Amino acid sequence: MADHGEQACKSVDVGMTRVFELFGKRWTGLIVATLMPGRVHFADLRRAIPGISERMLSDRLTELAAAGLVVREVCAGPPLRVAYRLTEAGRAMEPALKELGAWAAKYLQRDPYCPGDLS
């Protein structure tokens, strides 16, 4: 068994741990990316992310709001509609998400079964 010193057993960066606790969950990054251009109504957000259920979308939006990245806005009706937009903190994720997208385009193999994958 290898002898590990204190330096080798350092814990993971706390900031990275917090980021991946939130963004490591399925759909979270896609929701934030979809909200980057501006305010989106719930139904439009649901249609923009194929495969996400209404319940999951609602849960993720609630988590993002609790983290201070998303704001929920009730739009006067009729009909009553709900929209979401990114806060300043949420919009500040744009450079990081663009970098991740560029990294994926360069290093992740294209999925031949995904018609939307044009990389």
C-alpha atoms as a PDB file:
ATOM      1  CA  MET A   1       0.000   0.000   0.000  1.00  0.00           C
ATOM      2  CA  ALA A   2       1.369   3.414  -0.912  1.00  0.00           C
ATOM      3  CA  ASP A   3       2.295   5.821   1.843  1.00  0.00           C
ATOM      4  CA  HIS A   4       0.370   9.053   1.278  1.00  0.00           C
ATOM      5  CA  GLY A   5       1.520  12.278   2.779  1.00  0.00           C
ATOM      6  CA  GLU A   6      -0.743  15.070   3.941  1.00  0.00           C
ATOM      7  CA  GLN A   7      -0.327  16.898   0.610  1.00  0.00           C
ATOM      8  CA  ALA A   8      -1.590  13.899  -1.372  1.00  0.00           C
ATOM      9  CA  CYS A   9      -4.753  13.705   0.730  1.00  0.00           C
ATOM     10  CA  LYS A  10      -5.905  17.301   0.251  1.00  0.00           C
ATOM     11  CA  SER A  11      -9.634  17.620  -0.102  1.00  0.00           C
ATOM     12  CA  VAL A  12     -11.329  18.841  -3.256  1.00  0.00           C
ATOM     13  CA  ASP A  13     -11.718  22.593  -3.606  1.00  0.00           C
ATOM     14  CA  VAL A  14     -14.837  23.758  -1.738  1.00  0.00           C
ATOM     15  CA  GLY A  15     -15.929  26.058  -4.568  1.00  0.00           C
ATOM     16  CA  MET A  16     -15.754  23.257  -7.125  1.00  0.00           C
ATOM     17  CA  THR A  17     -17.674  20.997  -4.783  1.00  0.00           C
ATOM     18  CA  ARG A  18     -20.467  23.587  -4.513  1.00  0.00           C
ATOM     19  CA  VAL A  19     -20.569  24.113  -8.287  1.00  0.00           C
ATOM     20  CA  PHE A  20     -20.858  20.407  -9.050  1.00  0.00           C
ATOM     21  CA  GLU A  21     -23.439  19.855  -6.318  1.00  0.00           C
ATOM     22  CA  LEU A  22     -25.696  22.148  -8.348  1.00  0.00           C
ATOM     23  CA  PHE A  23     -24.500  21.763 -11.951  1.00  0.00           C
ATOM     24  CA  GLY A  24     -23.736  18.067 -11.616  1.00  0.00           C
ATOM     25  CA  LYS A  25     -27.445  17.338 -11.596  1.00  0.00           C
ATOM     26  CA  ARG A  26     -29.030  16.347 -14.881  1.00  0.00           C
ATOM     27  CA  TRP A  27     -30.721  19.213 -16.775  1.00  0.00           C
ATOM     28  CA  THR A  28     -29.364  22.093 -14.655  1.00  0.00           C
ATOM     29  CA  GLY A  29     -26.764  23.269 -17.161  1.00  0.00           C
ATOM     30  CA  LEU A  30     -29.224  22.999 -20.053  1.00  0.00           C
ATOM     31  CA  ILE A  31     -31.784  25.065 -18.172  1.00  0.00           C
ATOM     32  CA  VAL A  32     -29.269  27.812 -17.449  1.00  0.00           C
ATOM     33  CA  ALA A  33     -28.025  27.758 -21.056  1.00  0.00           C
ATOM     34  CA  THR A  34     -31.604  28.021 -22.346  1.00  0.00           C
ATOM     35  CA  LEU A  35     -32.226  31.039 -20.122  1.00  0.00           C
ATOM     36  CA  MET A  36     -29.054  32.871 -21.278  1.00  0.00           C
ATOM     37  CA  PRO A  37     -30.770  34.880 -24.051  1.00  0.00           C
ATOM     38  CA  GLY A  38     -33.407  36.215 -21.647  1.00  0.00           C
ATOM     39  CA  ARG A  39     -36.733  35.556 -19.961  1.00  0.00           C
ATOM     40  CA  VAL A  40     -38.489  32.324 -20.957  1.00  0.00           C
ATOM     41  CA  HIS A  41     -41.990  31.127 -20.086  1.00  0.00           C
ATOM     42  CA  PHE A  42     -42.205  27.763 -18.342  1.00  0.00           C
ATOM     43  CA  ALA A  43     -43.966  26.033 -21.265  1.00  0.00           C
ATOM     44  CA  ASP A  44     -41.386  27.341 -23.752  1.00  0.00           C
ATOM     45  CA  LEU A  45     -38.561  26.238 -21.481  1.00  0.00           C
ATOM     46  CA  ARG A  46     -40.121  22.783 -21.267  1.00  0.00           C
ATOM     47  CA  ARG A  47     -40.330  22.547 -25.079  1.00  0.00           C
ATOM     48  CA  ALA A  48     -36.744  23.774 -25.491  1.00  0.00           C
ATOM     49  CA  ILE A  49     -35.322  20.890 -23.444  1.00  0.00           C
ATOM     50  CA  PRO A  50     -36.472  17.572 -24.955  1.00  0.00           C
ATOM     51  CA  GLY A  51     -36.886  14.769 -22.452  1.00  0.00           C
ATOM     52  CA  ILE A  52     -37.297  16.846 -19.294  1.00  0.00           C
ATOM     53  CA  SER A  53     -40.536  16.324 -17.370  1.00  0.00           C
ATOM     54  CA  GLU A  54     -42.534  19.235 -15.996  1.00  0.00           C
ATOM     55  CA  ARG A  55     -41.853  17.998 -12.475  1.00  0.00           C
ATOM     56  CA  MET A  56     -38.089  17.795 -13.027  1.00  0.00           C
ATOM     57  CA  LEU A  57     -38.022  21.225 -14.684  1.00  0.00           C
ATOM     58  CA  SER A  58     -39.951  22.689 -11.765  1.00  0.00           C
ATOM     59  CA  ASP A  59     -37.612  21.033  -9.247  1.00  0.00           C
ATOM     60  CA  ARG A  60     -34.464  22.256 -11.010  1.00  0.00           C
ATOM     61  CA  LEU A  61     -35.844  25.794 -11.365  1.00  0.00           C
ATOM     62  CA  THR A  62     -36.647  25.807  -7.649  1.00  0.00           C
ATOM     63  CA  GLU A  63     -33.062  24.734  -6.859  1.00  0.00           C
ATOM     64  CA  LEU A  64     -31.630  27.380  -9.189  1.00  0.00           C
ATOM     65  CA  ALA A  65     -33.834  30.038  -7.586  1.00  0.00           C
ATOM     66  CA  ALA A  66     -32.727  28.951  -4.102  1.00  0.00           C
ATOM     67  CA  ALA A  67     -29.105  29.249  -5.273  1.00  0.00           C
ATOM     68  CA  GLY A  68     -29.773  32.802  -6.472  1.00  0.00           C
ATOM     69  CA  LEU A  69     -29.253  32.053 -10.175  1.00  0.00           C
ATOM     70  CA  VAL A  70     -32.863  32.268 -11.404  1.00  0.00           C
ATOM     71  CA  VAL A  71     -35.837  34.527 -10.709  1.00  0.00           C
ATOM     72  CA  ARG A  72     -39.439  33.359 -11.097  1.00  0.00           C
ATOM     73  CA  GLU A  73     -41.846  35.966 -12.472  1.00  0.00           C
ATOM     74  CA  VAL A  74     -45.629  35.629 -12.602  1.00  0.00           C
ATOM     75  CA  CYS A  75     -46.996  37.278 -15.744  1.00  0.00           C
ATOM     76  CA  ALA A  76     -50.431  38.875 -15.509  1.00  0.00           C
ATOM     77  CA  GLY A  77     -53.110  37.005 -17.397  1.00  0.00           C
ATOM     78  CA  PRO A  78     -55.408  35.792 -18.433  1.00  0.00           C
ATOM     79  CA  PRO A  79     -54.040  33.269 -18.792  1.00  0.00           C
ATOM     80  CA  LEU A  80     -51.698  33.417 -15.845  1.00  0.00           C
ATOM     81  CA  ARG A  81     -48.185  32.494 -17.018  1.00  0.00           C
ATOM     82  CA  VAL A  82     -44.887  31.988 -15.242  1.00  0.00           C
ATOM     83  CA  ALA A  83     -41.547  33.004 -16.715  1.00  0.00           C
ATOM     84  CA  TYR A  84     -37.985  32.605 -15.529  1.00  0.00           C
ATOM     85  CA  ARG A  85     -34.897  34.707 -16.055  1.00  0.00           C
ATOM     86  CA  LEU A  86     -31.322  34.554 -14.877  1.00  0.00           C
ATOM     87  CA  THR A  87     -30.060  36.823 -12.144  1.00  0.00           C
ATOM     88  CA  GLU A  88     -26.751  38.631 -12.490  1.00  0.00           C
ATOM     89  CA  ALA A  89     -25.097  35.609 -10.864  1.00  0.00           C
ATOM     90  CA  GLY A  90     -26.785  33.288 -13.359  1.00  0.00           C
ATOM     91  CA  ARG A  91     -25.753  35.411 -16.345  1.00  0.00           C
ATOM     92  CA  ALA A  92     -22.182  35.366 -15.028  1.00  0.00           C
ATOM     93  CA  MET A  93     -22.125  31.616 -15.837  1.00  0.00           C
ATOM     94  CA  GLU A  94     -22.202  32.341 -19.583  1.00  0.00           C
ATOM     95  CA  PRO A  95     -18.421  32.404 -20.171  1.00  0.00           C
ATOM     96  CA  ALA A  96     -17.968  29.154 -18.249  1.00  0.00           C
ATOM     97  CA  LEU A  97     -20.792  27.431 -20.155  1.00  0.00           C
ATOM     98  CA  LYS A  98     -19.393  28.635 -23.486  1.00  0.00           C
ATOM     99  CA  GLU A  99     -15.982  27.250 -22.517  1.00  0.00           C
ATOM    100  CA  LEU A 100     -17.533  23.901 -21.601  1.00  0.00           C
ATOM    101  CA  GLY A 101     -19.340  23.828 -24.956  1.00  0.00           C
ATOM    102  CA  ALA A 102     -16.106  24.580 -26.810  1.00  0.00           C
ATOM    103  CA  TRP A 103     -14.300  21.888 -24.826  1.00  0.00           C
ATOM    104  CA  ALA A 104     -17.030  19.359 -25.643  1.00  0.00           C
ATOM    105  CA  ALA A 105     -16.888  20.216 -29.341  1.00  0.00           C
ATOM    106  CA  LYS A 106     -13.127  19.668 -29.339  1.00  0.00           C
ATOM    107  CA  TYR A 107     -12.721  16.655 -27.077  1.00  0.00           C
ATOM    108  CA  LEU A 108     -15.970  14.696 -26.811  1.00  0.00           C
ATOM    109  CA  GLN A 109     -16.782  12.239 -29.544  1.00  0.00           C
ATOM    110  CA  ARG A 110     -19.866  13.042 -31.602  1.00  0.00           C
ATOM    111  CA  ASP A 111     -22.927  10.919 -30.789  1.00  0.00           C
ATOM    112  CA  PRO A 112     -24.068   9.267 -34.049  1.00  0.00           C
ATOM    113  CA  TYR A 113     -27.543   8.703 -32.559  1.00  0.00           C
ATOM    114  CA  CYS A 114     -28.163  12.338 -31.664  1.00  0.00           C
ATOM    115  CA  PRO A 115     -29.524  14.261 -34.677  1.00  0.00           C
ATOM    116  CA  GLY A 116     -28.896  17.606 -32.953  1.00  0.00           C
ATOM    117  CA  ASP A 117     -25.196  16.893 -32.442  1.00  0.00           C
ATOM    118  CA  LEU A 118     -23.514  18.703 -35.324  1.00  0.00           C
ATOM    119  CA  SER A 119     -20.044  18.865 -33.847  1.00  0.00           C
END
